[in-house]
Amino acid sequence: MFLHYLELAARSARASKGLSALMVLALALGIGACMTTLTVYHVLSGDPIPAKSARLFNVQLDAADMAGYKAGEEPTFDLSRFDATALLRDGKARRQVMMSGTNVAVGVPDDHVKPIFSSTRYSTADFFAMFDAPWAQGGGWSAADDEGEARVAVISSALNDKLFGGGDSVGREVIVRGQSLRVVGVLKPWKFQPHFYDMTTGGFAESEDLFLPFSTAMLLKVGHWGNMDCWGKGSNGGTPYDMAASCAFIQYWVELDKPEDAAAYRDYLVHYSEAQRAAGRFERPTNVRLRNVMQWLDSQKVLPADVRLQTWLAFGFLLVCVVNMVGLLLAKTLRRAGEIGVRRALGATRGAIFMQFVVEAGLLGGVGALIGLAFAHGGLWLVRHSPNDYARLAELDAAMLALTLGLALVASLCAGLLPAWRAALVTPAVQLKVQ
């Protein structure tokens, strides 16, 4: 029976080509606008590490002096080396990592291969396990390597391709700032979107290509890219990277066994902060922040307010398109009252008439979905050519593709309910008398 209704719907669409085309175009425009903004929203609001996001927490302490202090404001964005090292030494979490980023030239002993400037992350040993790094070859370094300032490195598969032609590079050497480092691991292609563990280099930055032990990076003086917040005497005559420097540049993350452990860890941070105040290091009132991944992204406003507004406006535009489609379907239904009366007189039930018009709306919705999908691809192409840092990520994935088709069908079926109900109420006797 469904195929019969589909055949009737196709005949009706061909009989009223202009009206049908207008309905399909209205729906396609609404779907295209809606899915363009919804895809951008999906990209920006997604969970970058869903298996662990509720158990990974960013740590902030307010270690700055009283200059410019305002009660209730956010604490220092990053941690100083002294505080990060102290928290790491206490080891109150299942895993903890202190890290920062830079950009260095990476070469190999072969003079025929030119050094490559690579984004670099220097961290402590738990980094790879905490963030579920996927290994192509080898693995990470150990806590003992952290303590011993080991000359080791982990590289990305992309850097491995450039330096070693994609071969097995574990045990081979790379040159960083004139020093030889032994490659202990190669990562598979790996990225987080957003780049949540370090927002100072951009929320949608690419994953790093070179990874070094934190202590080794300090020994090699590789420098730092990103946020650097100094106060008071700053580096106290040394460098901002010294252990005693009053400078914050280190991102600190912890992994807890379960989300409920966050309260106990926060209490530990409060006690640590109060102890530092008592020792004269901290001047400001205790002000700690412990946020899981999604709370952290929300606090950093990774999802801009204008994207939320655009998404709501797009849904409003889709609603207007659906209302217009309802009006056009009603007009088309009234023009076919005579046909409906004849069908009713020949034995068609009201349910059959209702289903016929619902299937017709669904057919128009299917065609509108396909055209709307083309419009959405066009809209996303424009987004990808915008100057926004997230622009390159604006792509329809499988979930958004399915949502596009589903949304179009639901919208068209909703638009067809009222006209189908009006068609089912047509009285055959009245129409036959008119005829």
Protein backbone atom coordinates (compact mmCIF):
# COMPACT_ATOMS: atom_id res chain seq x y z
CA MET A 1 0.00 0.00 0.00
CA PHE A 2 2.88 2.35 0.78
CA LEU A 3 4.20 2.00 -2.78
CA HIS A 4 0.76 2.93 -4.09
CA TYR A 5 0.71 6.04 -1.92
CA LEU A 6 4.22 6.86 -3.14
CA GLU A 7 3.08 6.57 -6.76
CA LEU A 8 0.11 8.87 -6.07
CA ALA A 9 2.45 11.36 -4.36
CA ALA A 10 4.80 11.38 -7.35
CA ARG A 11 1.87 11.96 -9.74
CA SER A 12 0.59 14.81 -7.60
CA ALA A 13 4.05 16.42 -7.51
CA ARG A 14 4.32 16.23 -11.30
CA ALA A 15 0.83 17.67 -11.70
CA SER A 16 1.74 20.74 -9.62
CA LYS A 17 5.40 21.21 -10.52
CA GLY A 18 5.61 24.89 -9.56
CA LEU A 19 3.94 24.50 -6.18
CA SER A 20 5.91 21.35 -5.37
CA ALA A 21 9.18 23.00 -6.35
CA LEU A 22 8.39 25.98 -4.14
CA MET A 23 7.74 23.72 -1.13
CA VAL A 24 10.91 21.70 -1.73
CA LEU A 25 13.00 24.87 -2.09
CA ALA A 26 11.58 26.42 1.09
CA LEU A 27 12.33 23.28 3.08
CA ALA A 28 15.80 22.90 1.51
CA LEU A 29 16.77 26.46 2.44
CA GLY A 30 15.66 25.92 6.03
CA ILE A 31 17.49 22.60 6.29
CA GLY A 32 20.65 24.02 4.69
CA ALA A 33 20.83 27.00 7.05
CA CYS A 34 19.96 24.90 10.08
CA MET A 35 22.51 22.16 9.40
CA THR A 36 25.30 24.61 8.60
CA THR A 37 25.02 26.30 11.99
CA LEU A 38 24.22 23.06 13.82
CA THR A 39 27.36 21.41 12.42
CA VAL A 40 29.51 24.31 13.64
CA TYR A 41 27.79 24.05 17.03
CA HIS A 42 28.44 20.29 17.05
CA VAL A 43 32.15 20.81 16.31
CA LEU A 44 32.64 23.44 19.01
CA SER A 45 30.57 21.82 21.75
CA GLY A 46 31.81 18.24 21.33
CA ASP A 47 33.53 16.27 24.09
CA PRO A 48 37.18 15.82 23.00
CA ILE A 49 37.78 12.77 25.23
CA PRO A 50 34.36 11.32 26.17
CA ALA A 51 35.72 8.19 27.87
CA LYS A 52 37.55 10.27 30.48
CA SER A 53 36.27 13.83 30.39
CA ALA A 54 34.45 13.51 33.74
CA ARG A 55 37.65 12.28 35.45
CA LEU A 56 40.21 14.68 34.01
CA PHE A 57 40.58 17.99 35.85
CA ASN A 58 42.47 21.20 35.20
CA VAL A 59 44.08 22.78 38.28
CA GLN A 60 44.38 26.52 39.00
CA LEU A 61 45.88 28.20 42.05
CA ASP A 62 46.04 31.93 42.76
CA ALA A 63 49.74 32.43 43.45
CA ALA A 64 50.06 36.05 42.28
CA ASP A 65 50.70 39.06 44.51
CA MET A 66 48.07 41.63 45.54
CA ALA A 67 48.79 44.02 42.65
CA GLY A 68 45.57 44.42 40.66
CA TYR A 69 43.73 41.92 42.85
CA LYS A 70 39.93 41.90 42.65
CA ALA A 71 37.89 39.55 44.80
CA GLY A 72 35.97 36.89 42.91
CA GLU A 73 38.11 36.99 39.76
CA GLU A 74 39.62 33.91 38.15
CA PRO A 75 42.92 32.72 39.67
CA THR A 76 46.19 32.67 37.73
CA PHE A 77 45.61 30.83 34.44
CA ASP A 78 48.60 28.46 34.77
CA LEU A 79 50.85 27.25 37.59
CA SER A 80 54.40 28.24 38.47
CA ARG A 81 57.09 25.58 38.22
CA PHE A 82 57.44 25.52 42.01
CA ASP A 83 53.74 24.80 42.59
CA ALA A 84 53.41 22.31 39.75
CA THR A 85 56.44 20.40 41.00
CA ALA A 86 55.09 20.39 44.56
CA LEU A 87 51.70 19.02 43.48
CA LEU A 88 53.39 16.40 41.29
CA ARG A 89 55.63 15.33 44.18
CA ASP A 90 52.63 14.92 46.51
CA GLY A 91 50.95 12.61 43.96
CA LYS A 92 47.41 12.91 45.34
CA ALA A 93 45.74 11.84 42.09
CA ARG A 94 45.78 8.61 40.10
CA ARG A 95 47.80 10.42 37.44
CA GLN A 96 49.10 13.99 37.23
CA VAL A 97 50.98 15.86 34.56
CA MET A 98 52.72 19.23 34.37
CA MET A 99 53.42 20.49 30.88
CA SER A 100 53.89 23.40 28.54
CA GLY A 101 54.47 24.01 24.84
CA THR A 102 57.02 25.51 22.50
CA ASN A 103 58.30 25.32 18.93
CA VAL A 104 61.78 23.97 18.14
CA ALA A 105 63.85 22.85 15.17
CA VAL A 106 64.16 19.06 15.00
CA GLY A 107 66.82 17.42 12.88
CA VAL A 108 68.58 14.08 12.43
CA PRO A 109 72.30 13.20 12.23
CA ASP A 110 71.94 12.88 8.45
CA ASP A 111 73.04 16.23 6.98
CA HIS A 112 70.91 15.61 3.88
CA VAL A 113 67.70 15.99 5.92
CA LYS A 114 66.95 19.58 6.82
CA PRO A 115 65.75 20.39 10.37
CA ILE A 116 62.01 20.91 10.69
CA PHE A 117 60.39 23.44 13.01
CA SER A 118 57.90 21.41 15.01
CA SER A 119 55.26 22.21 17.62
CA THR A 120 56.54 20.68 20.85
CA ARG A 121 55.06 19.62 24.17
CA TYR A 122 57.24 19.01 27.18
CA SER A 123 55.57 17.16 30.00
CA THR A 124 55.95 14.58 32.74
CA ALA A 125 55.58 10.86 32.14
CA ASP A 126 51.84 10.45 32.82
CA PHE A 127 50.88 12.59 29.82
CA PHE A 128 50.46 9.73 27.36
CA ALA A 129 48.51 7.41 29.68
CA MET A 130 46.32 10.23 30.95
CA PHE A 131 45.24 11.30 27.47
CA ASP A 132 45.06 7.78 25.95
CA ALA A 133 47.81 8.36 23.38
CA PRO A 134 47.72 5.77 20.56
CA TRP A 135 51.08 4.15 19.81
CA ALA A 136 52.37 3.16 16.39
CA GLN A 137 55.80 2.20 17.72
CA GLY A 138 57.37 2.03 21.17
CA GLY A 139 55.91 3.99 24.07
CA GLY A 140 56.45 6.90 26.43
CA TRP A 141 59.19 7.58 28.95
CA SER A 142 59.13 6.76 32.67
CA ALA A 143 59.04 8.77 35.88
CA ALA A 144 62.70 7.81 36.32
CA ASP A 145 63.41 9.47 32.96
CA ASP A 146 61.75 12.62 34.32
CA GLU A 147 64.00 12.55 37.37
CA GLY A 148 67.13 11.81 35.36
CA GLU A 149 66.64 14.46 32.66
CA ALA A 150 66.78 11.62 30.12
CA ARG A 151 67.70 12.44 26.52
CA VAL A 152 64.59 10.82 25.06
CA ALA A 153 61.73 11.95 22.83
CA VAL A 154 58.41 10.85 21.38
CA ILE A 155 57.47 11.95 17.86
CA SER A 156 54.26 12.00 15.85
CA SER A 157 53.70 9.78 12.82
CA ALA A 158 53.77 12.93 10.65
CA LEU A 159 57.22 13.92 11.95
CA ASN A 160 58.37 10.31 11.62
CA ASP A 161 57.37 10.38 7.95
CA LYS A 162 59.33 13.59 7.36
CA LEU A 163 62.49 12.62 9.24
CA PHE A 164 62.66 8.86 8.81
CA GLY A 165 60.45 8.13 5.82
CA GLY A 166 57.84 6.44 7.99
CA GLY A 167 60.13 3.57 9.03
CA ASP A 168 60.76 2.10 12.47
CA SER A 169 62.46 4.99 14.25
CA VAL A 170 62.47 3.70 17.84
CA GLY A 171 66.07 3.84 19.05
CA ARG A 172 67.13 6.33 16.40
CA GLU A 173 68.23 9.88 17.22
CA VAL A 174 66.82 13.34 16.66
CA ILE A 175 68.75 16.55 17.22
CA VAL A 176 67.18 19.32 19.34
CA ARG A 177 69.19 22.44 20.19
CA GLY A 178 72.40 20.63 19.34
CA GLN A 179 71.66 17.66 21.63
CA SER A 180 70.92 14.08 20.55
CA LEU A 181 67.68 12.60 21.85
CA ARG A 182 66.76 8.94 21.49
CA VAL A 183 63.30 8.25 20.04
CA VAL A 184 61.40 5.94 22.39
CA GLY A 185 57.96 6.10 20.76
CA VAL A 186 56.01 7.13 17.69
CA LEU A 187 52.37 8.17 17.98
CA LYS A 188 49.63 7.29 15.54
CA PRO A 189 47.72 10.24 14.06
CA TRP A 190 46.18 11.82 17.14
CA LYS A 191 44.35 15.02 17.85
CA PHE A 192 41.86 16.53 20.25
CA GLN A 193 39.27 19.02 19.06
CA PRO A 194 39.13 21.29 20.96
CA HIS A 195 42.79 21.20 22.02
CA PHE A 196 41.62 21.26 25.64
CA TYR A 197 44.78 20.47 27.60
CA ASP A 198 46.48 23.71 26.51
CA MET A 199 44.20 26.57 25.54
CA THR A 200 47.08 29.10 25.47
CA THR A 201 48.13 27.98 21.97
CA GLY A 202 44.58 28.15 20.62
CA GLY A 203 41.49 26.10 21.28
CA PHE A 204 41.72 24.37 17.91
CA ALA A 205 45.48 24.03 17.45
CA GLU A 206 46.92 20.91 15.85
CA SER A 207 48.42 18.21 18.07
CA GLU A 208 52.14 18.50 18.70
CA ASP A 209 54.79 16.65 16.69
CA LEU A 210 57.53 16.38 19.33
CA PHE A 211 57.24 15.42 23.00
CA LEU A 212 60.04 15.79 25.57
CA PRO A 213 60.38 15.13 29.32
CA PHE A 214 59.78 18.38 31.19
CA SER A 215 63.12 18.21 32.99
CA THR A 216 64.97 17.63 29.71
CA ALA A 217 63.26 20.61 28.10
CA MET A 218 64.30 22.81 31.03
CA LEU A 219 67.89 21.57 30.71
CA LEU A 220 67.94 22.27 26.96
CA LYS A 221 66.28 25.67 27.47
CA VAL A 222 63.80 25.07 24.65
CA GLY A 223 61.74 28.13 25.62
CA HIS A 224 58.00 28.53 25.75
CA TRP A 225 55.07 29.51 23.55
CA GLY A 226 51.75 30.61 24.96
CA ASN A 227 50.73 32.30 28.18
CA MET A 228 53.40 33.61 30.59
CA ASP A 229 52.17 35.46 33.68
CA CYS A 230 54.82 36.93 36.02
CA TRP A 231 54.30 39.04 39.14
CA GLY A 232 56.28 40.69 41.91
CA LYS A 233 59.98 40.25 41.18
CA GLY A 234 59.13 37.87 38.37
CA SER A 235 62.11 35.63 37.71
CA ASN A 236 64.05 37.02 40.72
CA GLY A 237 67.07 37.71 38.55
CA GLY A 238 67.01 34.34 36.82
CA THR A 239 64.69 33.15 34.04
CA PRO A 240 60.92 32.72 34.13
CA TYR A 241 61.50 28.95 33.99
CA ASP A 242 63.53 28.72 37.21
CA MET A 243 62.05 26.78 40.11
CA ALA A 244 61.75 29.89 42.31
CA ALA A 245 60.51 32.25 39.58
CA SER A 246 57.21 34.02 40.26
CA CYS A 247 55.93 33.16 36.81
CA ALA A 248 53.08 30.89 35.74
CA PHE A 249 53.36 29.05 32.43
CA ILE A 250 52.60 25.39 33.24
CA GLN A 251 49.33 23.60 32.54
CA TYR A 252 48.53 21.07 35.26
CA TRP A 253 46.03 18.23 34.83
CA VAL A 254 45.06 15.37 37.09
CA GLU A 255 43.18 12.14 36.47
CA LEU A 256 41.04 10.91 39.36
CA ASP A 257 39.66 7.40 39.86
CA LYS A 258 36.09 8.68 39.75
CA PRO A 259 34.38 12.08 39.42
CA GLU A 260 33.30 11.98 43.06
CA ASP A 261 36.95 12.20 44.14
CA ALA A 262 37.06 15.81 42.93
CA ALA A 263 35.80 17.19 46.27
CA ALA A 264 38.64 15.53 48.22
CA TYR A 265 41.25 16.70 45.71
CA ARG A 266 39.88 20.23 45.84
CA ASP A 267 40.21 20.15 49.64
CA TYR A 268 43.84 19.14 49.19
CA LEU A 269 44.39 22.14 46.87
CA VAL A 270 42.80 24.46 49.45
CA HIS A 271 45.08 23.11 52.19
CA TYR A 272 48.12 23.48 49.92
CA SER A 273 47.17 27.06 49.05
CA GLU A 274 46.66 27.98 52.71
CA ALA A 275 50.00 26.42 53.63
CA GLN A 276 51.71 28.54 50.96
CA ARG A 277 50.02 31.66 52.32
CA ALA A 278 51.23 30.79 55.81
CA ALA A 279 54.75 30.39 54.42
CA GLY A 280 54.54 33.84 52.79
CA ARG A 281 54.58 32.65 49.17
CA PHE A 282 50.90 33.30 48.39
CA GLU A 283 49.50 36.74 49.17
CA ARG A 284 45.98 36.51 47.82
CA PRO A 285 43.08 34.80 49.63
CA THR A 286 42.74 31.10 48.81
CA ASN A 287 41.16 30.80 45.37
CA VAL A 288 41.43 27.40 43.65
CA ARG A 289 39.64 26.01 40.61
CA LEU A 290 39.23 22.35 39.74
CA ARG A 291 37.24 21.83 36.53
CA ASN A 292 36.69 18.71 34.48
CA VAL A 293 37.17 18.82 30.71
CA MET A 294 33.72 20.09 29.74
CA GLN A 295 33.58 22.58 32.61
CA TRP A 296 37.01 23.82 31.56
CA LEU A 297 35.94 24.29 27.94
CA ASP A 298 32.81 26.12 29.08
CA SER A 299 34.85 28.46 31.31
CA GLN A 300 37.14 29.24 28.37
CA LYS A 301 34.14 30.01 26.13
CA VAL A 302 35.27 27.64 23.40
CA LEU A 303 31.70 27.79 22.11
CA PRO A 304 31.19 31.51 21.24
CA ALA A 305 27.88 33.13 22.17
CA ASP A 306 27.31 34.19 18.56
CA VAL A 307 27.37 30.54 17.43
CA ARG A 308 24.62 29.72 19.93
CA LEU A 309 22.59 32.68 18.67
CA GLN A 310 23.11 31.70 15.02
CA THR A 311 21.93 28.16 15.78
CA TRP A 312 18.72 29.40 17.39
CA LEU A 313 18.12 31.81 14.51
CA ALA A 314 18.64 28.98 12.00
CA PHE A 315 16.06 26.82 13.78
CA GLY A 316 13.71 29.81 13.74
CA PHE A 317 14.24 30.15 9.99
CA LEU A 318 13.50 26.43 9.57
CA LEU A 319 10.27 26.88 11.54
CA VAL A 320 9.24 29.72 9.20
CA CYS A 321 9.98 27.47 6.20
CA VAL A 322 7.87 24.66 7.71
CA VAL A 323 4.96 27.04 8.35
CA ASN A 324 5.17 28.22 4.74
CA MET A 325 5.16 24.61 3.60
CA VAL A 326 2.03 23.97 5.69
CA GLY A 327 0.29 26.87 3.96
CA LEU A 328 1.30 25.65 0.50
CA LEU A 329 0.22 22.08 1.28
CA LEU A 330 -3.14 23.35 2.55
CA ALA A 331 -3.65 25.34 -0.65
CA LYS A 332 -2.78 22.28 -2.71
CA THR A 333 -5.14 20.12 -0.65
CA LEU A 334 -8.09 22.51 -1.17
CA ARG A 335 -7.48 22.48 -4.93
CA ARG A 336 -7.74 18.68 -4.88
CA ALA A 337 -10.98 18.49 -2.87
CA GLY A 338 -12.89 17.12 -5.84
CA GLU A 339 -10.36 14.34 -6.40
CA ILE A 340 -10.46 13.46 -2.71
CA GLY A 341 -14.31 13.36 -2.76
CA VAL A 342 -14.28 10.90 -5.69
CA ARG A 343 -11.77 8.66 -3.91
CA ARG A 344 -13.88 8.73 -0.75
CA ALA A 345 -17.00 7.87 -2.76
CA LEU A 346 -15.19 4.90 -4.33
CA GLY A 347 -14.44 3.46 -0.89
CA ALA A 348 -11.22 5.08 0.31
CA THR A 349 -11.26 5.52 4.08
CA ARG A 350 -10.30 8.68 5.88
CA GLY A 351 -7.23 6.86 7.19
CA ALA A 352 -6.16 6.00 3.64
CA ILE A 353 -6.57 9.62 2.53
CA PHE A 354 -4.63 10.80 5.57
CA MET A 355 -1.75 8.39 4.87
CA GLN A 356 -1.70 9.35 1.19
CA PHE A 357 -1.11 13.02 2.01
CA VAL A 358 1.40 12.25 4.76
CA VAL A 359 3.43 10.13 2.29
CA GLU A 360 3.24 12.98 -0.21
CA ALA A 361 4.66 15.39 2.39
CA GLY A 362 7.35 12.85 3.20
CA LEU A 363 8.32 12.55 -0.47
CA LEU A 364 8.68 16.32 -0.73
CA GLY A 365 10.71 16.24 2.48
CA GLY A 366 13.06 13.61 1.08
CA VAL A 367 13.76 15.68 -2.02
CA GLY A 368 14.12 18.79 0.17
CA ALA A 369 16.60 16.90 2.37
CA LEU A 370 18.86 16.09 -0.57
CA ILE A 371 18.83 19.67 -1.85
CA GLY A 372 19.20 20.97 1.72
CA LEU A 373 22.24 18.73 2.12
CA ALA A 374 23.80 20.41 -0.92
CA PHE A 375 23.00 23.83 0.59
CA ALA A 376 24.56 22.71 3.90
CA HIS A 377 27.75 21.62 2.13
CA GLY A 378 27.85 25.02 0.43
CA GLY A 379 27.35 26.82 3.74
CA LEU A 380 30.10 24.78 5.40
CA TRP A 381 32.41 25.53 2.48
CA LEU A 382 31.92 29.23 3.21
CA VAL A 383 32.58 28.62 6.91
CA ARG A 384 35.83 26.79 6.08
CA HIS A 385 36.99 29.84 4.17
CA SER A 386 36.30 32.19 7.07
CA PRO A 387 39.14 33.48 9.33
CA ASN A 388 37.87 31.63 12.45
CA ASP A 389 40.34 29.20 14.05
CA TYR A 390 37.74 26.43 14.01
CA ALA A 391 36.84 26.95 10.34
CA ARG A 392 38.80 23.95 9.00
CA LEU A 393 36.79 21.61 11.24
CA ALA A 394 33.41 22.49 9.72
CA GLU A 395 32.65 19.16 8.07
CA LEU A 396 29.53 17.01 8.01
CA ASP A 397 30.28 13.73 9.77
CA ALA A 398 28.09 10.62 9.62
CA ALA A 399 26.02 11.66 12.64
CA MET A 400 25.30 15.12 11.23
CA LEU A 401 24.49 13.65 7.81
CA ALA A 402 21.93 11.32 9.38
CA LEU A 403 20.55 14.22 11.42
CA THR A 404 20.16 16.30 8.24
CA LEU A 405 18.06 13.64 6.53
CA GLY A 406 16.08 12.89 9.68
CA LEU A 407 15.39 16.56 10.43
CA ALA A 408 14.12 17.15 6.88
CA LEU A 409 11.77 14.18 7.01
CA VAL A 410 10.45 15.10 10.46
CA ALA A 411 9.92 18.72 9.39
CA SER A 412 8.09 17.70 6.22
CA LEU A 413 5.91 15.15 8.02
CA CYS A 414 5.02 17.71 10.69
CA ALA A 415 4.17 20.16 7.91
CA GLY A 416 1.98 17.53 6.25
CA LEU A 417 -0.10 16.56 9.30
CA LEU A 418 -2.56 19.49 9.18
CA PRO A 419 -3.14 19.33 5.39
CA ALA A 420 -3.52 15.53 5.60
CA TRP A 421 -6.06 15.89 8.40
CA ARG A 422 -8.00 18.50 6.36
CA ALA A 423 -7.95 16.19 3.36
CA ALA A 424 -9.34 13.32 5.44
CA LEU A 425 -12.25 15.54 6.55
CA VAL A 426 -13.45 16.21 2.98
CA THR A 427 -17.10 15.16 2.63
CA PRO A 428 -17.61 13.14 -0.56
CA ALA A 429 -21.33 14.00 -0.98
CA VAL A 430 -20.67 17.73 -1.04
CA GLN A 431 -17.83 17.40 -3.55
CA LEU A 432 -19.84 15.11 -5.85
CA LYS A 433 -22.72 17.60 -5.91
CA VAL A 434 -20.26 20.35 -6.86
CA GLN A 435 -18.78 18.17 -9.56
